[in-house]
C-alpha atoms as a PDB file:
ATOM      1  CA  MET A   1    -104.923  20.137  71.171  1.00  0.00           C
ATOM      2  CA  THR A   2    -107.651  18.634  73.303  1.00  0.00           C
ATOM      3  CA  GLY A   3    -111.180  19.032  72.153  1.00  0.00           C
ATOM      4  CA  ARG A   4    -110.205  19.213  68.459  1.00  0.00           C
ATOM      5  CA  ASN A   5    -112.304  17.176  66.053  1.00  0.00           C
ATOM      6  CA  THR A   6    -109.518  15.450  64.163  1.00  0.00           C
ATOM      7  CA  ALA A   7    -111.604  13.114  62.035  1.00  0.00           C
ATOM      8  CA  LEU A   8    -111.749  13.799  58.293  1.00  0.00           C
ATOM      9  CA  PRO A   9    -115.086  13.284  56.441  1.00  0.00           C
ATOM     10  CA  THR A  10    -115.592   9.674  55.524  1.00  0.00           C
ATOM     11  CA  THR A  11    -116.367  10.202  51.828  1.00  0.00           C
ATOM     12  CA  THR A  12    -114.993  12.182  48.912  1.00  0.00           C
ATOM     13  CA  THR A  13    -116.964  13.780  46.134  1.00  0.00           C
ATOM     14  CA  ALA A  14    -117.437  11.846  42.912  1.00  0.00           C
ATOM     15  CA  SER A  15    -115.859  14.633  40.878  1.00  0.00           C
ATOM     16  CA  THR A  16    -112.696  14.542  43.053  1.00  0.00           C
ATOM     17  CA  ARG A  17    -112.374  10.794  42.561  1.00  0.00           C
ATOM     18  CA  ARG A  18    -112.711  11.132  38.809  1.00  0.00           C
ATOM     19  CA  GLU A  19    -110.191  13.954  38.478  1.00  0.00           C
ATOM     20  CA  ALA A  20    -107.525  12.815  40.964  1.00  0.00           C
ATOM     21  CA  LEU A  21    -104.351  11.263  39.524  1.00  0.00           C
ATOM     22  CA  ASN A  22    -102.398   8.347  41.003  1.00  0.00           C
ATOM     23  CA  SER A  23     -99.448  10.497  42.080  1.00  0.00           C
ATOM     24  CA  PRO A  24    -100.028  11.842  45.627  1.00  0.00           C
ATOM     25  CA  ASN A  25     -98.515  15.197  44.679  1.00  0.00           C
ATOM     26  CA  ARG A  26    -100.656  15.471  41.553  1.00  0.00           C
ATOM     27  CA  ARG A  27    -103.729  14.430  43.515  1.00  0.00           C
ATOM     28  CA  LEU A  28    -102.996  17.155  46.030  1.00  0.00           C
ATOM     29  CA  ARG A  29    -102.577  19.839  43.375  1.00  0.00           C
ATOM     30  CA  ARG A  30    -105.737  18.681  41.608  1.00  0.00           C
ATOM     31  CA  ALA A  31    -107.642  18.930  44.858  1.00  0.00           C
ATOM     32  CA  LEU A  32    -106.204  22.371  45.560  1.00  0.00           C
ATOM     33  CA  ARG A  33    -107.490  23.631  42.220  1.00  0.00           C
ATOM     34  CA  ARG A  34    -111.044  22.795  43.201  1.00  0.00           C
ATOM     35  CA  PRO A  35    -113.045  26.014  43.789  1.00  0.00           C
ATOM     36  CA  THR A  36    -113.151  25.465  47.545  1.00  0.00           C
ATOM     37  CA  THR A  37    -111.334  25.981  50.804  1.00  0.00           C
ATOM     38  CA  PHE A  38    -110.403  23.066  53.036  1.00  0.00           C
ATOM     39  CA  ILE A  39    -111.835  23.482  56.516  1.00  0.00           C
ATOM     40  CA  VAL A  40    -110.244  20.785  58.623  1.00  0.00           C
ATOM     41  CA  GLY A  41    -109.380  20.761  62.327  1.00  0.00           C
ATOM     42  CA  GLY A  42    -110.145  24.470  62.720  1.00  0.00           C
ATOM     43  CA  ALA A  43    -107.638  25.750  60.082  1.00  0.00           C
ATOM     44  CA  ALA A  44    -108.460  26.939  56.545  1.00  0.00           C
ATOM     45  CA  VAL A  45    -106.515  26.021  53.393  1.00  0.00           C
ATOM     46  CA  LEU A  46    -107.315  28.063  50.283  1.00  0.00           C
ATOM     47  CA  ALA A  47    -108.046  26.594  46.871  1.00  0.00           C
ATOM     48  CA  VAL A  48    -108.555  28.874  43.852  1.00  0.00           C
ATOM     49  CA  ALA A  49    -110.331  28.382  40.551  1.00  0.00           C
ATOM     50  CA  GLY A  50    -110.737  30.993  37.804  1.00  0.00           C
ATOM     51  CA  GLY A  51    -108.716  33.580  39.726  1.00  0.00           C
ATOM     52  CA  ILE A  52    -111.363  33.966  42.472  1.00  0.00           C
ATOM     53  CA  ALA A  53    -110.886  32.629  46.000  1.00  0.00           C
ATOM     54  CA  THR A  54    -113.935  31.043  47.592  1.00  0.00           C
ATOM     55  CA  VAL A  55    -114.718  29.363  50.867  1.00  0.00           C
ATOM     56  CA  GLY A  56    -116.407  26.012  51.325  1.00  0.00           C
ATOM     57  CA  THR A  57    -115.605  22.500  52.514  1.00  0.00           C
ATOM     58  CA  GLN A  58    -113.510  19.832  50.843  1.00  0.00           C
ATOM     59  CA  PRO A  59    -113.076  16.336  52.309  1.00  0.00           C
ATOM     60  CA  ALA A  60    -110.397  15.312  49.793  1.00  0.00           C
ATOM     61  CA  ILE A  61    -107.215  16.407  51.603  1.00  0.00           C
ATOM     62  CA  GLY A  62    -106.349  12.950  52.959  1.00  0.00           C
ATOM     63  CA  GLU A  63    -107.018  11.325  49.602  1.00  0.00           C
ATOM     64  CA  ALA A  64    -104.956  14.024  47.846  1.00  0.00           C
ATOM     65  CA  LEU A  65    -102.040  13.306  50.171  1.00  0.00           C
ATOM     66  CA  GLY A  66    -102.283   9.594  49.453  1.00  0.00           C
ATOM     67  CA  MET A  67    -103.474   8.794  52.958  1.00  0.00           C
ATOM     68  CA  PRO A  68    -106.663   6.930  53.874  1.00  0.00           C
ATOM     69  CA  THR A  69    -109.571   9.029  55.044  1.00  0.00           C
ATOM     70  CA  ALA A  70    -111.284   8.448  58.342  1.00  0.00           C
ATOM     71  CA  SER A  71    -113.944   5.807  58.495  1.00  0.00           C
ATOM     72  CA  ALA A  72    -116.188   4.355  61.122  1.00  0.00           C
ATOM     73  CA  THR A  73    -113.929   1.317  61.435  1.00  0.00           C
ATOM     74  CA  SER A  74    -110.425   2.571  60.738  1.00  0.00           C
ATOM     75  CA  GLY A  75    -110.535   5.880  62.628  1.00  0.00           C
ATOM     76  CA  PRO A  76    -108.782   9.083  61.570  1.00  0.00           C
ATOM     77  CA  ALA A  77    -105.677   8.871  59.397  1.00  0.00           C
ATOM     78  CA  LEU A  78    -104.462  12.395  60.177  1.00  0.00           C
ATOM     79  CA  ASP A  79    -104.809  14.298  63.398  1.00  0.00           C
ATOM     80  CA  GLY A  80    -103.208  16.948  65.501  1.00  0.00           C
ATOM     81  CA  THR A  81     -99.937  18.398  64.287  1.00  0.00           C
ATOM     82  CA  ASP A  82     -99.808  16.053  61.278  1.00  0.00           C
ATOM     83  CA  LEU A  83    -103.103  17.448  60.061  1.00  0.00           C
ATOM     84  CA  ASP A  84    -101.944  21.036  60.609  1.00  0.00           C
ATOM     85  CA  ARG A  85     -98.780  20.386  58.638  1.00  0.00           C
ATOM     86  CA  ALA A  86    -100.728  18.731  55.827  1.00  0.00           C
ATOM     87  CA  GLN A  87    -102.868  21.840  55.694  1.00  0.00           C
ATOM     88  CA  ALA A  88     -99.745  24.009  55.613  1.00  0.00           C
ATOM     89  CA  ALA A  89     -98.328  22.060  52.659  1.00  0.00           C
ATOM     90  CA  ALA A  90    -101.608  22.393  50.801  1.00  0.00           C
ATOM     91  CA  THR A  91    -101.747  26.119  51.584  1.00  0.00           C
ATOM     92  CA  ILE A  92     -98.222  26.660  50.244  1.00  0.00           C
ATOM     93  CA  ALA A  93     -98.989  24.764  47.026  1.00  0.00           C
ATOM     94  CA  THR A  94    -102.131  26.797  46.426  1.00  0.00           C
ATOM     95  CA  ALA A  95    -100.455  30.100  47.297  1.00  0.00           C
ATOM     96  CA  LYS A  96     -97.632  29.380  44.850  1.00  0.00           C
ATOM     97  CA  ASP A  97    -100.227  28.707  42.151  1.00  0.00           C
ATOM     98  CA  VAL A  98    -101.791  32.070  42.929  1.00  0.00           C
ATOM     99  CA  VAL A  99     -98.411  33.804  42.591  1.00  0.00           C
ATOM    100  CA  ASP A 100     -97.578  31.961  39.358  1.00  0.00           C
ATOM    101  CA  THR A 101    -100.888  32.784  37.691  1.00  0.00           C
ATOM    102  CA  ALA A 102    -101.327  36.328  39.017  1.00  0.00           C
ATOM    103  CA  ASN A 103    -101.616  39.219  36.597  1.00  0.00           C
ATOM    104  CA  ALA A 104     -98.173  40.724  36.022  1.00  0.00           C
ATOM    105  CA  LYS A 105     -99.400  44.067  37.380  1.00  0.00           C
ATOM    106  CA  THR A 106    -100.528  42.537  40.664  1.00  0.00           C
ATOM    107  CA  ASP A 107     -98.278  42.987  43.706  1.00  0.00           C
ATOM    108  CA  THR A 108     -97.528  39.547  45.145  1.00  0.00           C
ATOM    109  CA  THR A 109     -94.808  40.683  47.575  1.00  0.00           C
ATOM    110  CA  THR A 110     -96.860  40.157  50.745  1.00  0.00           C
ATOM    111  CA  LEU A 111     -98.050  36.723  49.633  1.00  0.00           C
ATOM    112  CA  GLU A 112     -94.510  35.640  48.800  1.00  0.00           C
ATOM    113  CA  ARG A 113     -93.421  36.671  52.285  1.00  0.00           C
ATOM    114  CA  ARG A 114     -96.280  34.660  53.776  1.00  0.00           C
ATOM    115  CA  ILE A 115     -95.218  31.617  51.724  1.00  0.00           C
ATOM    116  CA  ASP A 116     -91.650  31.980  52.963  1.00  0.00           C
ATOM    117  CA  ALA A 117     -92.855  32.347  56.553  1.00  0.00           C
ATOM    118  CA  LEU A 118     -94.919  29.173  56.257  1.00  0.00           C
ATOM    119  CA  GLY A 119     -92.034  27.277  54.649  1.00  0.00           C
ATOM    120  CA  ASP A 120     -90.740  25.973  57.963  1.00  0.00           C
ATOM    121  CA  TYR A 121     -94.126  24.497  58.882  1.00  0.00           C
ATOM    122  CA  ARG A 122     -92.457  21.190  59.814  1.00  0.00           C
ATOM    123  CA  LYS A 123     -90.904  22.963  62.806  1.00  0.00           C
ATOM    124  CA  LEU A 124     -94.149  24.613  63.925  1.00  0.00           C
ATOM    125  CA  SER A 125     -97.268  23.414  65.637  1.00  0.00           C
ATOM    126  CA  GLY A 126    -100.376  24.671  67.376  1.00  0.00           C
ATOM    127  CA  GLY A 127    -101.409  28.301  67.271  1.00  0.00           C
ATOM    128  CA  ALA A 128     -98.261  29.549  65.510  1.00  0.00           C
ATOM    129  CA  LEU A 129     -98.795  27.176  62.590  1.00  0.00           C
ATOM    130  CA  THR A 130    -102.521  27.925  62.393  1.00  0.00           C
ATOM    131  CA  SER A 131    -101.844  31.672  62.410  1.00  0.00           C
ATOM    132  CA  ARG A 132     -99.397  31.400  59.505  1.00  0.00           C
ATOM    133  CA  ILE A 133    -101.808  29.257  57.528  1.00  0.00           C
ATOM    134  CA  VAL A 134    -104.592  31.783  58.007  1.00  0.00           C
ATOM    135  CA  SER A 135    -102.400  34.762  57.093  1.00  0.00           C
ATOM    136  CA  THR A 136    -101.251  32.951  53.923  1.00  0.00           C
ATOM    137  CA  VAL A 137    -104.839  32.155  52.996  1.00  0.00           C
ATOM    138  CA  ASP A 138    -105.802  35.812  53.482  1.00  0.00           C
ATOM    139  CA  ALA A 139    -102.886  37.006  51.377  1.00  0.00           C
ATOM    140  CA  SER A 140    -103.720  34.465  48.664  1.00  0.00           C
ATOM    141  CA  THR A 141    -107.325  35.653  48.607  1.00  0.00           C
ATOM    142  CA  ALA A 142    -106.228  39.267  48.305  1.00  0.00           C
ATOM    143  CA  VAL A 143    -103.837  38.517  45.432  1.00  0.00           C
ATOM    144  CA  ALA A 144    -106.362  36.329  43.587  1.00  0.00           C
ATOM    145  CA  ASP A 145    -109.040  39.021  43.852  1.00  0.00           C
ATOM    146  CA  ALA A 146    -106.647  41.815  42.843  1.00  0.00           C
ATOM    147  CA  SER A 147    -105.418  39.742  39.893  1.00  0.00           C
ATOM    148  CA  ALA A 148    -108.956  39.058  38.695  1.00  0.00           C
ATOM    149  CA  THR A 149    -109.789  42.769  38.969  1.00  0.00           C
ATOM    150  CA  GLN A 150    -106.662  43.708  37.008  1.00  0.00           C
ATOM    151  CA  ASP A 151    -107.451  41.070  34.371  1.00  0.00           C
ATOM    152  CA  LYS A 152    -110.834  42.703  33.855  1.00  0.00           C
ATOM    153  CA  ARG A 153    -109.280  46.163  33.668  1.00  0.00           C
ATOM    154  CA  ASP A 154    -106.775  44.942  31.100  1.00  0.00           C
ATOM    155  CA  ALA A 155    -109.511  43.281  29.047  1.00  0.00           C
ATOM    156  CA  ASP A 156    -111.650  46.424  29.189  1.00  0.00           C
ATOM    157  CA  ALA A 157    -108.688  48.603  28.196  1.00  0.00           C
ATOM    158  CA  LYS A 158    -107.849  46.291  25.310  1.00  0.00           C
ATOM    159  CA  ALA A 159    -111.456  46.307  24.094  1.00  0.00           C
ATOM    160  CA  ALA A 160    -111.572  50.106  24.346  1.00  0.00           C
ATOM    161  CA  ALA A 161    -108.298  50.418  22.425  1.00  0.00           C
ATOM    162  CA  GLU A 162    -109.549  48.069  19.715  1.00  0.00           C
ATOM    163  CA  ALA A 163    -112.820  50.004  19.445  1.00  0.00           C
ATOM    164  CA  ALA A 164    -110.906  53.280  19.208  1.00  0.00           C
ATOM    165  CA  ALA A 165    -108.661  51.827  16.514  1.00  0.00           C
ATOM    166  CA  GLN A 166    -111.710  50.658  14.559  1.00  0.00           C
ATOM    167  CA  ARG A 167    -113.300  54.092  14.847  1.00  0.00           C
ATOM    168  CA  ALA A 168    -110.086  55.749  13.727  1.00  0.00           C
ATOM    169  CA  ALA A 169    -109.831  53.379  10.765  1.00  0.00           C
ATOM    170  CA  ALA A 170    -113.449  54.082   9.811  1.00  0.00           C
ATOM    171  CA  GLU A 171    -112.851  57.820  10.089  1.00  0.00           C
ATOM    172  CA  ARG A 172    -109.742  57.559   7.914  1.00  0.00           C
ATOM    173  CA  ALA A 173    -111.665  55.550   5.323  1.00  0.00           C
ATOM    174  CA  ALA A 174    -114.514  58.078   5.349  1.00  0.00           C
ATOM    175  CA  ALA A 175    -112.069  60.962   5.030  1.00  0.00           C
ATOM    176  CA  ALA A 176    -110.303  59.241   2.140  1.00  0.00           C
ATOM    177  CA  LYS A 177    -113.627  58.603   0.433  1.00  0.00           C
ATOM    178  CA  ALA A 178    -114.684  62.217   0.914  1.00  0.00           C
ATOM    179  CA  ALA A 179    -111.337  63.447  -0.374  1.00  0.00           C
ATOM    180  CA  GLU A 180    -111.624  61.268  -3.464  1.00  0.00           C
ATOM    181  CA  ALA A 181    -115.177  62.491  -4.079  1.00  0.00           C
ATOM    182  CA  ALA A 182    -114.004  66.089  -3.701  1.00  0.00           C
ATOM    183  CA  ARG A 183    -111.138  65.450  -6.098  1.00  0.00           C
ATOM    184  CA  LYS A 184    -113.459  63.961  -8.698  1.00  0.00           C
ATOM    185  CA  LEU A 185    -115.915  66.817  -8.264  1.00  0.00           C
ATOM    186  CA  ALA A 186    -113.197  69.422  -8.665  1.00  0.00           C
ATOM    187  CA  GLU A 187    -111.925  67.635 -11.763  1.00  0.00           C
ATOM    188  CA  SER A 188    -115.382  67.367 -13.300  1.00  0.00           C
ATOM    189  CA  ASN A 189    -116.055  71.043 -12.546  1.00  0.00           C
ATOM    190  CA  THR A 190    -113.198  72.248 -14.759  1.00  0.00           C
ATOM    191  CA  PRO A 191    -114.131  73.204 -18.363  1.00  0.00           C
ATOM    192  CA  ALA A 192    -112.240  70.162 -19.654  1.00  0.00           C
ATOM    193  CA  GLY A 193    -113.910  67.874 -17.110  1.00  0.00           C
ATOM    194  CA  ALA A 194    -117.339  69.342 -17.864  1.00  0.00           C
ATOM    195  CA  LYS A 195    -116.861  68.783 -21.600  1.00  0.00           C
ATOM    196  CA  ALA A 196    -115.811  65.173 -21.016  1.00  0.00           C
ATOM    197  CA  THR A 197    -118.909  64.602 -18.859  1.00  0.00           C
ATOM    198  CA  ALA A 198    -121.204  66.254 -21.427  1.00  0.00           C
ATOM    199  CA  SER A 199    -119.754  64.239 -24.309  1.00  0.00           C
ATOM    200  CA  ALA A 200    -120.208  60.961 -22.410  1.00  0.00           C
ATOM    201  CA  LEU A 201    -123.788  61.751 -21.307  1.00  0.00           C
ATOM    202  CA  ALA A 202    -124.792  63.025 -24.756  1.00  0.00           C
ATOM    203  CA  ALA A 203    -123.650  59.771 -26.352  1.00  0.00           C
ATOM    204  CA  SER A 204    -124.868  57.313 -23.691  1.00  0.00           C
ATOM    205  CA  LYS A 205    -128.243  58.865 -22.901  1.00  0.00           C
ATOM    206  CA  TYR A 206    -129.264  60.560 -26.159  1.00  0.00           C
ATOM    207  CA  GLY A 207    -127.181  58.861 -28.831  1.00  0.00           C
ATOM    208  CA  TRP A 208    -125.611  62.133 -29.943  1.00  0.00           C
ATOM    209  CA  GLY A 209    -122.272  61.752 -31.660  1.00  0.00           C
ATOM    210  CA  ALA A 210    -119.292  64.012 -32.271  1.00  0.00           C
ATOM    211  CA  ASP A 211    -121.150  66.314 -34.670  1.00  0.00           C
ATOM    212  CA  GLN A 212    -123.844  67.041 -32.102  1.00  0.00           C
ATOM    213  CA  PHE A 213    -121.252  67.530 -29.386  1.00  0.00           C
ATOM    214  CA  GLN A 214    -119.505  70.117 -31.528  1.00  0.00           C
ATOM    215  CA  CYS A 215    -122.767  72.085 -31.673  1.00  0.00           C
ATOM    216  CA  LEU A 216    -123.156  71.683 -27.916  1.00  0.00           C
ATOM    217  CA  ASP A 217    -119.598  72.884 -27.368  1.00  0.00           C
ATOM    218  CA  ASN A 218    -120.255  75.941 -29.508  1.00  0.00           C
ATOM    219  CA  LEU A 219    -123.516  76.676 -27.668  1.00  0.00           C
ATOM    220  CA  TRP A 220    -122.243  76.407 -24.104  1.00  0.00           C
ATOM    221  CA  THR A 221    -118.937  78.078 -24.873  1.00  0.00           C
ATOM    222  CA  LYS A 222    -121.002  81.067 -26.001  1.00  0.00           C
ATOM    223  CA  GLU A 223    -123.392  80.874 -23.016  1.00  0.00           C
ATOM    224  CA  SER A 224    -121.001  80.287 -20.106  1.00  0.00           C
ATOM    225  CA  GLY A 225    -117.554  79.271 -21.299  1.00  0.00           C
ATOM    226  CA  TRP A 226    -118.313  75.913 -19.576  1.00  0.00           C
ATOM    227  CA  ASN A 227    -118.010  77.662 -16.197  1.00  0.00           C
ATOM    228  CA  TYR A 228    -120.307  76.053 -13.640  1.00  0.00           C
ATOM    229  CA  GLN A 229    -120.178  79.248 -11.549  1.00  0.00           C
ATOM    230  CA  ALA A 230    -121.247  81.561 -14.401  1.00  0.00           C
ATOM    231  CA  VAL A 231    -124.117  83.943 -13.607  1.00  0.00           C
ATOM    232  CA  ASN A 232    -125.578  86.384 -16.148  1.00  0.00           C
ATOM    233  CA  ALA A 233    -125.582  89.799 -14.505  1.00  0.00           C
ATOM    234  CA  ASN A 234    -128.479  91.010 -16.639  1.00  0.00           C
ATOM    235  CA  GLY A 235    -130.989  88.254 -16.035  1.00  0.00           C
ATOM    236  CA  GLY A 236    -129.536  85.845 -13.484  1.00  0.00           C
ATOM    237  CA  ALA A 237    -129.163  82.860 -15.808  1.00  0.00           C
ATOM    238  CA  THR A 238    -126.915  80.392 -14.024  1.00  0.00           C
ATOM    239  CA  GLY A 239    -124.348  77.703 -14.657  1.00  0.00           C
ATOM    240  CA  ILE A 240    -123.008  76.007 -17.757  1.00  0.00           C
ATOM    241  CA  PRO A 241    -126.405  75.779 -19.574  1.00  0.00           C
ATOM    242  CA  GLN A 242    -127.468  79.229 -18.224  1.00  0.00           C
ATOM    243  CA  ALA A 243    -130.707  78.017 -16.707  1.00  0.00           C
ATOM    244  CA  LEU A 244    -133.147  80.798 -15.828  1.00  0.00           C
ATOM    245  CA  PRO A 245    -133.741  80.705 -12.972  1.00  0.00           C
ATOM    246  CA  GLY A 246    -130.895  78.486 -11.839  1.00  0.00           C
ATOM    247  CA  SER A 247    -133.140  76.746  -9.328  1.00  0.00           C
ATOM    248  CA  LYS A 248    -134.729  74.841 -12.224  1.00  0.00           C
ATOM    249  CA  MET A 249    -131.698  72.557 -12.074  1.00  0.00           C
ATOM    250  CA  ALA A 250    -132.759  71.400  -8.580  1.00  0.00           C
ATOM    251  CA  THR A 251    -135.046  68.944 -10.378  1.00  0.00           C
ATOM    252  CA  ILE A 252    -131.871  66.955 -11.043  1.00  0.00           C
ATOM    253  CA  ALA A 253    -130.117  67.374  -7.684  1.00  0.00           C
ATOM    254  CA  ALA A 254    -129.815  69.796  -4.765  1.00  0.00           C
ATOM    255  CA  ASP A 255    -126.142  70.466  -5.543  1.00  0.00           C
ATOM    256  CA  TRP A 256    -126.907  72.324  -8.797  1.00  0.00           C
ATOM    257  CA  ARG A 257    -124.927  75.390  -7.648  1.00  0.00           C
ATOM    258  CA  THR A 258    -121.672  73.462  -7.151  1.00  0.00           C
ATOM    259  CA  ASN A 259    -121.798  70.417  -9.422  1.00  0.00           C
ATOM    260  CA  ALA A 260    -121.149  70.743 -13.153  1.00  0.00           C
ATOM    261  CA  THR A 261    -122.508  67.246 -13.777  1.00  0.00           C
ATOM    262  CA  THR A 262    -125.888  68.203 -12.295  1.00  0.00           C
ATOM    263  CA  GLN A 263    -125.999  71.313 -14.528  1.00  0.00           C
ATOM    264  CA  ILE A 264    -125.004  69.359 -17.638  1.00  0.00           C
ATOM    265  CA  THR A 265    -127.605  66.654 -16.937  1.00  0.00           C
ATOM    266  CA  TRP A 266    -130.320  69.300 -16.701  1.00  0.00           C
ATOM    267  CA  GLY A 267    -129.010  71.176 -19.768  1.00  0.00           C
ATOM    268  CA  LEU A 268    -129.007  68.124 -22.020  1.00  0.00           C
ATOM    269  CA  GLN A 269    -132.511  67.233 -20.850  1.00  0.00           C
ATOM    270  CA  TYR A 270    -133.669  70.788 -21.630  1.00  0.00           C
ATOM    271  CA  ILE A 271    -132.113  70.746 -25.140  1.00  0.00           C
ATOM    272  CA  SER A 272    -133.654  67.346 -25.925  1.00  0.00           C
ATOM    273  CA  ALA A 273    -137.124  68.430 -24.786  1.00  0.00           C
ATOM    274  CA  SER A 274    -137.048  71.914 -26.332  1.00  0.00           C
ATOM    275  CA  TYR A 275    -135.032  71.503 -29.556  1.00  0.00           C
ATOM    276  CA  GLY A 276    -134.463  67.816 -30.143  1.00  0.00           C
ATOM    277  CA  THR A 277    -130.693  68.105 -30.678  1.00  0.00           C
ATOM    278  CA  PRO A 278    -127.788  70.382 -29.702  1.00  0.00           C
ATOM    279  CA  CYS A 279    -127.349  71.442 -33.355  1.00  0.00           C
ATOM    280  CA  ALA A 280    -130.980  72.629 -33.467  1.00  0.00           C
ATOM    281  CA  ALA A 281    -130.456  74.543 -30.226  1.00  0.00           C
ATOM    282  CA  TRP A 282    -127.245  76.069 -31.614  1.00  0.00           C
ATOM    283  CA  ALA A 283    -129.012  77.143 -34.788  1.00  0.00           C
ATOM    284  CA  HIS A 284    -131.712  78.855 -32.695  1.00  0.00           C
ATOM    285  CA  SER A 285    -129.076  80.613 -30.641  1.00  0.00           C
ATOM    286  CA  GLN A 286    -127.306  81.889 -33.724  1.00  0.00           C
ATOM    287  CA  ALA A 287    -130.591  83.236 -35.138  1.00  0.00           C
ATOM    288  CA  SER A 288    -132.076  84.663 -31.912  1.00  0.00           C
ATOM    289  CA  ASN A 289    -129.081  85.090 -29.574  1.00  0.00           C
ATOM    290  CA  PHE A 290    -130.676  82.790 -26.999  1.00  0.00           C
ATOM    291  CA  TYR A 291    -131.901  79.231 -26.755  1.00  0.00           C
END
């Protein structure tokens, strides 16, 4: 291993010093979780943060192992095969972290084989050891990247499923609301429902009591039988109040052809303006056969 620069950097970053624990093993694992790759003595040791492998430099390996770093006075603490094996141990620890934290859908088979192959690093040295370190780093990078991609796919799929569920819930609510409105409309369009609506509106809006409603009942029973679909074949008078033409009732609402309440609202307004009360309108109808 002649010509190798075996000296470690003489300083460690302030953040590594703050985060490292007293235990050598814990210091190593803390250092490995830094978002960097150790580049020492020509071999690379992967460290992963946030599921993404990156490459950089990290002078903390000696400190993480509990060994003094090189200095101008003390010289290198690790060199040669010892340094390679320290890198191998760090690579295995990081690779196992990658396997443990990988998305369940990510295939880690190749990386696990690389970890097993590097497991006998104490018996290896030189090019064979460096080659296994590099192949483990590459496999760790591939798994970390694939896991991060799958995490994003899972998150996107979950968000899409939640959005679809929300849309479906909104559609169900809208359908239920429309069904309830249709039910109420159908109920109010029956003769009984129309009479109940007319009685309530006559009392609340015009102050007409039961006697006036009886006159109204007589009048509209004669005119249309309280049928909102009634049309006079002779003149075209339309609806419960027999408006002529029926389009007059559009002043109340556009649904005058299909909504008994719209027809009743217009009819009561017409009686109030033209005759004052339903009984006066009924009296006119009896005398003239129209109102």
